[in-house]
């Protein structure tokens, strides 16, 4: 037991010594051999089959005792972890070395970077820690908030799109009460008569205030985060659309999986596309009828997706062309729940009946009626 305690103590001292010399970002950048922007995806340095950028660094905002300089990594195939887990993956991929203990990991870092952790008398390389303002970097990636229970106004507003409370809960949508400053003082209060929502996506958030104002949209999600990915349930059908609101409207009436990239101009990595091809019998893409949406749909069509449109009717208003009901949530809002369900049957004529949730129409209509009383 004494020897074990001494080993643990020595490893902690070495870890403290390591972070006196370098920071997490230094270890990542020096091992990889390039400067890594925090929060922006690069091609994975720990596997050779990453044809599109799917590796990035992020601040572990869910860890209460994270160090100021602590950075984690995420990789679409390999998962995520702290800098020591990265070193294990890096050594295995580049050197075919299995680092099984913290001493193995520290030794590998020391050898690779020449820090002299184990011998103060040997010549060593001295690093100037990379100049990062961590407070500013974290502020750009972190939105602090306090939520509240859904108000009657919240519930009624979402029901106009065919979305009920269980769907909001499933997709980590919360009603906003306060937006907070970094010191947890109140920056903005959402009144009971005001709509404000936060979408929690993995460890990041998107703020949506439907009625506009300074906070209509705020977003800390990296470009490669996929909305709805956490809620995939291995259904036979996958629909790719362009917003979380549309994801939930589709799922309200259809027993399917639905995802959305951060924007219509953001594509998927080859690994994700191959996963979708291998795991879904029916694959659809439903985007807005505009230049960006049509381009996105055309790209996915080449990858084996069937393209369908909600409504391509164009209205001429002066010199402008406006598309009527450009997405499924708008269609349900403007035409009603019953018409929305029939529209889905019209745009997915080859989809077997078992995927249509026939019971939802009466259920949602009764919810709206009860709220109106």
Protein backbone atom coordinates (compact mmCIF):
# COMPACT_ATOMS: atom_id res chain seq x y z
CA UNK A 1 0.00 0.00 0.00
CA UNK A 2 2.93 2.35 0.82
CA UNK A 3 4.49 1.76 -2.61
CA UNK A 4 1.13 2.35 -4.31
CA UNK A 5 0.63 5.61 -2.43
CA UNK A 6 4.13 6.74 -3.36
CA UNK A 7 3.48 5.97 -7.04
CA UNK A 8 0.25 7.97 -6.98
CA UNK A 9 1.99 10.84 -5.20
CA UNK A 10 4.90 10.86 -7.66
CA UNK A 11 2.57 10.81 -10.67
CA UNK A 12 0.65 13.78 -9.30
CA UNK A 13 3.89 15.67 -8.80
CA UNK A 14 4.93 14.87 -12.37
CA UNK A 15 1.55 16.02 -13.69
CA UNK A 16 1.92 19.30 -11.77
CA UNK A 17 5.43 19.66 -13.18
CA UNK A 18 4.16 18.94 -16.69
CA UNK A 19 1.57 21.72 -16.54
CA UNK A 20 4.11 24.15 -15.15
CA UNK A 21 6.04 23.70 -18.41
CA UNK A 22 3.25 23.39 -20.98
CA UNK A 23 -0.52 23.63 -21.32
CA UNK A 24 -3.00 21.24 -22.92
CA UNK A 25 -3.04 23.19 -26.20
CA UNK A 26 0.77 22.99 -26.34
CA UNK A 27 0.67 19.20 -26.06
CA UNK A 28 -1.98 18.87 -28.78
CA UNK A 29 -0.22 21.24 -31.18
CA UNK A 30 3.31 19.92 -30.63
CA UNK A 31 2.33 16.27 -31.05
CA UNK A 32 0.14 16.94 -34.08
CA UNK A 33 2.66 19.34 -35.62
CA UNK A 34 0.29 22.21 -36.40
CA UNK A 35 -1.68 24.95 -34.69
CA UNK A 36 -5.14 23.71 -33.75
CA UNK A 37 -7.97 26.28 -33.55
CA UNK A 38 -10.18 25.64 -30.54
CA UNK A 39 -13.69 24.63 -31.57
CA UNK A 40 -12.95 24.32 -35.30
CA UNK A 41 -12.81 20.82 -36.83
CA UNK A 42 -9.70 19.40 -38.52
CA UNK A 43 -8.98 16.02 -40.08
CA UNK A 44 -8.36 13.57 -37.29
CA UNK A 45 -4.70 13.15 -36.26
CA UNK A 46 -5.44 9.82 -34.55
CA UNK A 47 -6.83 7.77 -37.45
CA UNK A 48 -6.25 7.66 -41.20
CA UNK A 49 -9.82 7.27 -42.50
CA UNK A 50 -11.08 10.79 -41.77
CA UNK A 51 -11.80 12.16 -45.24
CA UNK A 52 -13.64 15.19 -43.82
CA UNK A 53 -12.80 17.22 -40.69
CA UNK A 54 -14.34 15.53 -37.66
CA UNK A 55 -11.81 16.17 -34.86
CA UNK A 56 -11.89 19.27 -32.68
CA UNK A 57 -10.89 20.66 -29.30
CA UNK A 58 -13.38 22.04 -26.78
CA UNK A 59 -13.59 23.28 -23.21
CA UNK A 60 -15.14 20.67 -20.87
CA UNK A 61 -17.90 22.95 -19.62
CA UNK A 62 -19.69 20.10 -17.80
CA UNK A 63 -16.69 19.36 -15.57
CA UNK A 64 -16.95 21.31 -12.34
CA UNK A 65 -13.25 20.99 -11.44
CA UNK A 66 -11.67 21.48 -14.86
CA UNK A 67 -8.34 23.29 -14.91
CA UNK A 68 -8.32 26.79 -16.46
CA UNK A 69 -6.27 25.53 -19.41
CA UNK A 70 -7.97 22.15 -19.70
CA UNK A 71 -9.01 21.21 -23.23
CA UNK A 72 -10.75 18.06 -24.38
CA UNK A 73 -10.95 16.52 -27.84
CA UNK A 74 -13.77 14.91 -29.76
CA UNK A 75 -13.57 12.60 -32.77
CA UNK A 76 -16.58 11.27 -34.69
CA UNK A 77 -15.32 7.68 -34.63
CA UNK A 78 -13.21 7.46 -31.46
CA UNK A 79 -15.27 9.53 -29.04
CA UNK A 80 -13.80 12.17 -26.75
CA UNK A 81 -11.58 12.63 -23.71
CA UNK A 82 -8.95 14.73 -21.99
CA UNK A 83 -5.42 15.43 -23.21
CA UNK A 84 -4.06 12.22 -21.63
CA UNK A 85 -6.65 10.11 -23.45
CA UNK A 86 -5.57 11.88 -26.64
CA UNK A 87 -1.93 10.98 -26.01
CA UNK A 88 -2.95 7.33 -25.62
CA UNK A 89 -4.77 7.39 -28.97
CA UNK A 90 -1.95 9.32 -30.63
CA UNK A 91 0.75 6.88 -29.45
CA UNK A 92 -1.31 3.87 -30.52
CA UNK A 93 -1.96 5.29 -33.99
CA UNK A 94 1.48 6.76 -34.74
CA UNK A 95 3.81 4.43 -32.82
CA UNK A 96 1.75 1.31 -32.22
CA UNK A 97 2.31 1.85 -28.48
CA UNK A 98 -0.27 0.96 -25.83
CA UNK A 99 0.09 3.41 -22.96
CA UNK A 100 -1.75 1.79 -20.08
CA UNK A 101 -0.68 3.86 -17.06
CA UNK A 102 -0.34 7.55 -16.29
CA UNK A 103 3.42 7.00 -15.97
CA UNK A 104 3.48 5.58 -19.52
CA UNK A 105 1.62 8.64 -20.79
CA UNK A 106 3.86 11.13 -18.98
CA UNK A 107 6.96 9.33 -20.23
CA UNK A 108 5.66 9.49 -23.81
CA UNK A 109 4.94 13.24 -23.54
CA UNK A 110 8.35 13.83 -21.97
CA UNK A 111 10.18 11.92 -24.73
CA UNK A 112 8.17 13.56 -27.52
CA UNK A 113 8.54 17.12 -26.22
CA UNK A 114 11.90 16.90 -24.42
CA UNK A 115 10.62 18.42 -21.18
CA UNK A 116 13.05 16.73 -18.76
CA UNK A 117 10.34 15.71 -16.33
CA UNK A 118 12.30 12.76 -14.95
CA UNK A 119 15.81 14.21 -14.85
CA UNK A 120 16.28 17.84 -13.91
CA UNK A 121 19.95 17.61 -14.91
CA UNK A 122 19.36 16.72 -18.56
CA UNK A 123 19.08 19.32 -21.29
CA UNK A 124 15.47 20.12 -22.05
CA UNK A 125 13.36 22.15 -24.41
CA UNK A 126 11.70 25.20 -22.88
CA UNK A 127 8.33 26.12 -24.34
CA UNK A 128 6.59 29.46 -24.24
CA UNK A 129 3.01 28.55 -23.50
CA UNK A 130 0.71 29.49 -26.35
CA UNK A 131 -0.84 32.87 -25.75
CA UNK A 132 -4.57 32.22 -25.30
CA UNK A 133 -6.97 34.44 -23.39
CA UNK A 134 -8.94 31.60 -21.84
CA UNK A 135 -11.67 33.84 -20.42
CA UNK A 136 -12.46 35.26 -23.86
CA UNK A 137 -12.12 31.86 -25.54
CA UNK A 138 -14.54 30.30 -23.08
CA UNK A 139 -16.96 33.21 -23.30
CA UNK A 140 -17.28 32.70 -27.05
CA UNK A 141 -18.07 29.02 -26.48
CA UNK A 142 -20.26 29.27 -23.39
CA UNK A 143 -23.70 30.71 -22.77
CA UNK A 144 -24.85 30.76 -19.17
CA UNK A 145 -28.57 30.60 -18.50
CA UNK A 146 -31.25 29.60 -16.03
CA UNK A 147 -34.29 27.78 -17.36
CA UNK A 148 -37.84 27.56 -16.05
CA UNK A 149 -40.78 25.24 -16.54
CA UNK A 150 -42.60 25.68 -19.82
CA UNK A 151 -45.21 28.43 -19.62
CA UNK A 152 -48.68 28.14 -21.14
CA UNK A 153 -47.50 30.58 -23.83
CA UNK A 154 -44.48 28.35 -24.59
CA UNK A 155 -46.60 25.21 -24.95
CA UNK A 156 -49.20 26.89 -27.12
CA UNK A 157 -46.52 28.43 -29.36
CA UNK A 158 -44.86 25.04 -30.02
CA UNK A 159 -48.21 23.31 -30.56
CA UNK A 160 -48.78 25.55 -33.57
CA UNK A 161 -45.97 23.52 -35.19
CA UNK A 162 -47.33 20.18 -34.00
CA UNK A 163 -44.74 19.89 -31.23
CA UNK A 164 -45.67 18.84 -27.69
CA UNK A 165 -43.81 18.92 -24.37
CA UNK A 166 -42.41 15.36 -24.50
CA UNK A 167 -40.76 16.14 -27.85
CA UNK A 168 -39.23 19.32 -26.42
CA UNK A 169 -37.89 17.36 -23.45
CA UNK A 170 -36.52 14.60 -25.69
CA UNK A 171 -34.57 17.17 -27.70
CA UNK A 172 -33.28 19.08 -24.67
CA UNK A 173 -35.27 22.24 -25.40
CA UNK A 174 -35.80 24.43 -22.34
CA UNK A 175 -37.72 27.60 -21.61
CA UNK A 176 -35.44 30.50 -20.76
CA UNK A 177 -35.86 32.53 -17.59
CA UNK A 178 -32.51 34.32 -17.42
CA UNK A 179 -29.43 34.80 -19.57
CA UNK A 180 -26.45 35.20 -17.22
CA UNK A 181 -23.11 36.96 -17.30
CA UNK A 182 -19.88 35.05 -16.61
CA UNK A 183 -20.13 35.96 -12.93
CA UNK A 184 -23.68 34.51 -12.88
CA UNK A 185 -25.35 37.89 -12.51
CA UNK A 186 -28.50 38.36 -14.58
CA UNK A 187 -27.92 39.77 -18.05
CA UNK A 188 -31.46 39.48 -19.37
CA UNK A 189 -34.80 38.36 -17.93
CA UNK A 190 -37.47 36.66 -20.02
CA UNK A 191 -40.88 37.74 -18.81
CA UNK A 192 -43.81 35.32 -18.61
CA UNK A 193 -45.24 36.98 -21.73
CA UNK A 194 -41.98 36.58 -23.66
CA UNK A 195 -40.72 33.60 -25.62
CA UNK A 196 -37.15 32.39 -25.19
CA UNK A 197 -35.71 28.92 -25.62
CA UNK A 198 -32.37 27.19 -25.34
CA UNK A 199 -31.44 24.07 -27.29
CA UNK A 200 -28.82 21.98 -25.48
CA UNK A 201 -26.70 20.06 -28.01
CA UNK A 202 -24.08 17.84 -26.38
CA UNK A 203 -22.01 20.30 -24.31
CA UNK A 204 -23.06 23.47 -26.20
CA UNK A 205 -26.23 25.51 -26.57
CA UNK A 206 -28.25 27.54 -29.05
CA UNK A 207 -30.49 30.36 -27.84
CA UNK A 208 -33.65 31.11 -29.83
CA UNK A 209 -35.89 34.09 -29.11
CA UNK A 210 -38.69 33.89 -31.72
CA UNK A 211 -39.76 37.51 -31.32
CA UNK A 212 -36.30 38.83 -32.11
CA UNK A 213 -34.33 41.35 -30.09
CA UNK A 214 -30.64 41.25 -29.25
CA UNK A 215 -30.75 37.54 -28.43
CA UNK A 216 -32.84 36.10 -31.29
CA UNK A 217 -30.04 33.66 -32.12
CA UNK A 218 -26.92 32.91 -30.10
CA UNK A 219 -24.98 29.77 -30.81
CA UNK A 220 -21.94 28.04 -29.34
CA UNK A 221 -22.26 24.80 -31.35
CA UNK A 222 -19.30 23.94 -33.59
CA UNK A 223 -20.12 23.55 -37.28
CA UNK A 224 -19.77 19.76 -37.14
CA UNK A 225 -22.37 19.25 -34.38
CA UNK A 226 -25.47 17.54 -35.82
CA UNK A 227 -28.86 18.49 -34.38
CA UNK A 228 -30.91 15.42 -33.51
CA UNK A 229 -27.89 13.10 -33.52
CA UNK A 230 -28.17 12.43 -29.79
CA UNK A 231 -31.78 11.31 -30.31
CA UNK A 232 -31.17 8.77 -33.10
CA UNK A 233 -32.98 5.54 -32.24
CA UNK A 234 -32.07 3.24 -35.12
CA UNK A 235 -35.33 3.62 -37.03
CA UNK A 236 -35.54 2.41 -40.63
CA UNK A 237 -36.10 5.93 -41.93
CA UNK A 238 -33.73 8.91 -41.76
CA UNK A 239 -34.78 12.43 -42.76
CA UNK A 240 -32.22 15.20 -43.12
CA UNK A 241 -33.75 18.66 -42.72
CA UNK A 242 -32.49 22.12 -41.77
CA UNK A 243 -33.58 23.05 -38.23
CA UNK A 244 -34.45 21.59 -34.85
CA UNK A 245 -38.01 22.92 -35.16
CA UNK A 246 -38.46 20.90 -38.37
CA UNK A 247 -36.85 17.85 -36.75
CA UNK A 248 -39.48 17.87 -34.02
CA UNK A 249 -42.40 18.53 -36.40
CA UNK A 250 -41.40 15.56 -38.56
CA UNK A 251 -41.01 13.33 -35.50
CA UNK A 252 -44.35 14.43 -34.12
CA UNK A 253 -46.16 12.80 -37.06
CA UNK A 254 -43.67 10.17 -38.22
CA UNK A 255 -41.96 7.29 -36.40
CA UNK A 256 -38.54 8.07 -37.90
CA UNK A 257 -35.09 9.46 -37.13
CA UNK A 258 -34.47 13.08 -38.15
CA UNK A 259 -31.26 15.15 -38.10
CA UNK A 260 -30.10 18.55 -39.25
CA UNK A 261 -26.65 20.06 -39.88
CA UNK A 262 -25.93 23.44 -38.30
CA UNK A 263 -26.84 25.06 -41.63
CA UNK A 264 -27.94 23.96 -45.08
CA UNK A 265 -24.50 24.84 -46.43
CA UNK A 266 -22.77 22.50 -43.94
CA UNK A 267 -22.24 18.99 -45.26
CA UNK A 268 -21.58 15.65 -43.58
CA UNK A 269 -18.29 13.78 -43.33
CA UNK A 270 -17.86 10.68 -45.46
CA UNK A 271 -17.92 8.58 -42.27
CA UNK A 272 -21.35 9.90 -41.32
CA UNK A 273 -22.71 9.47 -44.85
CA UNK A 274 -21.49 5.86 -44.93
CA UNK A 275 -23.09 5.26 -41.52
CA UNK A 276 -26.41 6.60 -42.81
CA UNK A 277 -26.22 4.47 -45.96
CA UNK A 278 -25.46 1.33 -43.97
CA UNK A 279 -28.06 1.81 -41.25
CA UNK A 280 -31.15 3.34 -42.90
CA UNK A 281 -33.34 1.65 -45.50
CA UNK A 282 -35.14 4.90 -46.40
CA UNK A 283 -33.15 8.13 -46.63
CA UNK A 284 -34.77 11.48 -47.40
CA UNK A 285 -33.63 15.09 -47.53
CA UNK A 286 -36.12 17.94 -47.05
CA UNK A 287 -34.64 21.43 -47.31
CA UNK A 288 -35.93 24.93 -48.04
CA UNK A 289 -36.82 25.78 -51.64
CA UNK A 290 -34.08 28.37 -52.10
CA UNK A 291 -30.63 28.40 -53.69
CA UNK A 292 -28.85 27.10 -50.57
CA UNK A 293 -31.47 24.45 -49.85
CA UNK A 294 -31.55 23.20 -53.43
CA UNK A 295 -27.75 22.95 -53.52
CA UNK A 296 -27.68 21.04 -50.23
CA UNK A 297 -30.41 18.67 -51.40
CA UNK A 298 -28.63 18.04 -54.70
CA UNK A 299 -25.39 17.15 -52.87
CA UNK A 300 -27.18 14.62 -50.65
CA UNK A 301 -29.08 13.19 -53.60
CA UNK A 302 -25.71 12.16 -55.03
CA UNK A 303 -25.07 10.32 -51.75
CA UNK A 304 -28.18 8.14 -52.05
CA UNK A 305 -30.85 10.34 -50.46
CA UNK A 306 -34.29 10.92 -51.99
CA UNK A 307 -35.13 14.60 -52.31
CA UNK A 308 -38.64 15.80 -51.46
CA UNK A 309 -40.05 19.31 -50.96
CA UNK A 310 -42.75 20.56 -48.63
CA UNK A 311 -44.11 23.24 -50.99
CA UNK A 312 -42.46 24.78 -54.04
CA UNK A 313 -45.24 27.28 -54.75
CA UNK A 314 -43.71 30.72 -55.32
CA UNK A 315 -45.58 33.95 -54.65
CA UNK A 316 -44.53 37.12 -56.50
CA UNK A 317 -44.58 40.16 -54.23
CA UNK A 318 -43.36 43.14 -56.24
CA UNK A 319 -39.88 42.26 -57.43
CA UNK A 320 -39.46 39.55 -54.80
CA UNK A 321 -40.30 35.87 -55.06
CA UNK A 322 -41.43 34.34 -51.77
CA UNK A 323 -41.84 30.62 -51.26
CA UNK A 324 -45.08 29.70 -49.51
CA UNK A 325 -44.61 27.28 -46.60
CA UNK A 326 -40.89 26.65 -47.20
CA UNK A 327 -40.62 23.98 -44.48
CA UNK A 328 -42.79 21.46 -42.65
CA UNK A 329 -43.08 23.49 -39.43
CA UNK A 330 -44.29 26.54 -41.38
CA UNK A 331 -46.76 24.36 -43.26
CA UNK A 332 -48.31 23.02 -40.05
CA UNK A 333 -48.38 26.51 -38.55
CA UNK A 334 -50.10 28.11 -41.54
CA UNK A 335 -52.42 25.28 -42.55
CA UNK A 336 -53.19 23.43 -39.35
CA UNK A 337 -52.34 20.08 -37.79
CA UNK A 338 -54.70 17.98 -39.92
CA UNK A 339 -53.45 19.55 -43.16
CA UNK A 340 -49.84 19.08 -42.01
CA UNK A 341 -50.36 15.37 -41.50
CA UNK A 342 -51.94 15.02 -44.96
CA UNK A 343 -49.05 16.98 -46.48
CA UNK A 344 -46.59 14.47 -45.03
CA UNK A 345 -48.52 11.62 -46.63
CA UNK A 346 -48.34 13.51 -49.93
CA UNK A 347 -44.59 14.18 -49.86
CA UNK A 348 -43.69 10.65 -48.68
CA UNK A 349 -45.99 8.54 -50.93
CA UNK A 350 -43.65 5.53 -50.92
CA UNK A 351 -43.20 5.42 -47.17
CA UNK A 352 -45.09 2.46 -45.61
CA UNK A 353 -48.11 3.32 -43.48
CA UNK A 354 -46.49 1.96 -40.34
CA UNK A 355 -44.27 5.04 -40.14
CA UNK A 356 -47.18 7.50 -39.95
CA UNK A 357 -48.42 8.30 -36.44
CA UNK A 358 -52.16 8.38 -37.12
CA UNK A 359 -53.06 9.04 -33.48
CA UNK A 360 -51.21 12.34 -33.29
CA UNK A 361 -53.77 14.55 -35.04
CA UNK A 362 -56.59 14.11 -32.51
CA UNK A 363 -54.15 14.17 -29.61
CA UNK A 364 -52.57 17.50 -30.67
CA UNK A 365 -55.93 19.09 -31.50
CA UNK A 366 -57.23 18.22 -28.02
CA UNK A 367 -54.08 19.70 -26.43
CA UNK A 368 -54.63 22.97 -28.30
CA UNK A 369 -58.31 23.03 -27.39
CA UNK A 370 -57.59 22.49 -23.70
CA UNK A 371 -54.98 25.26 -23.68
CA UNK A 372 -57.42 27.66 -25.31
CA UNK A 373 -60.09 27.14 -22.67
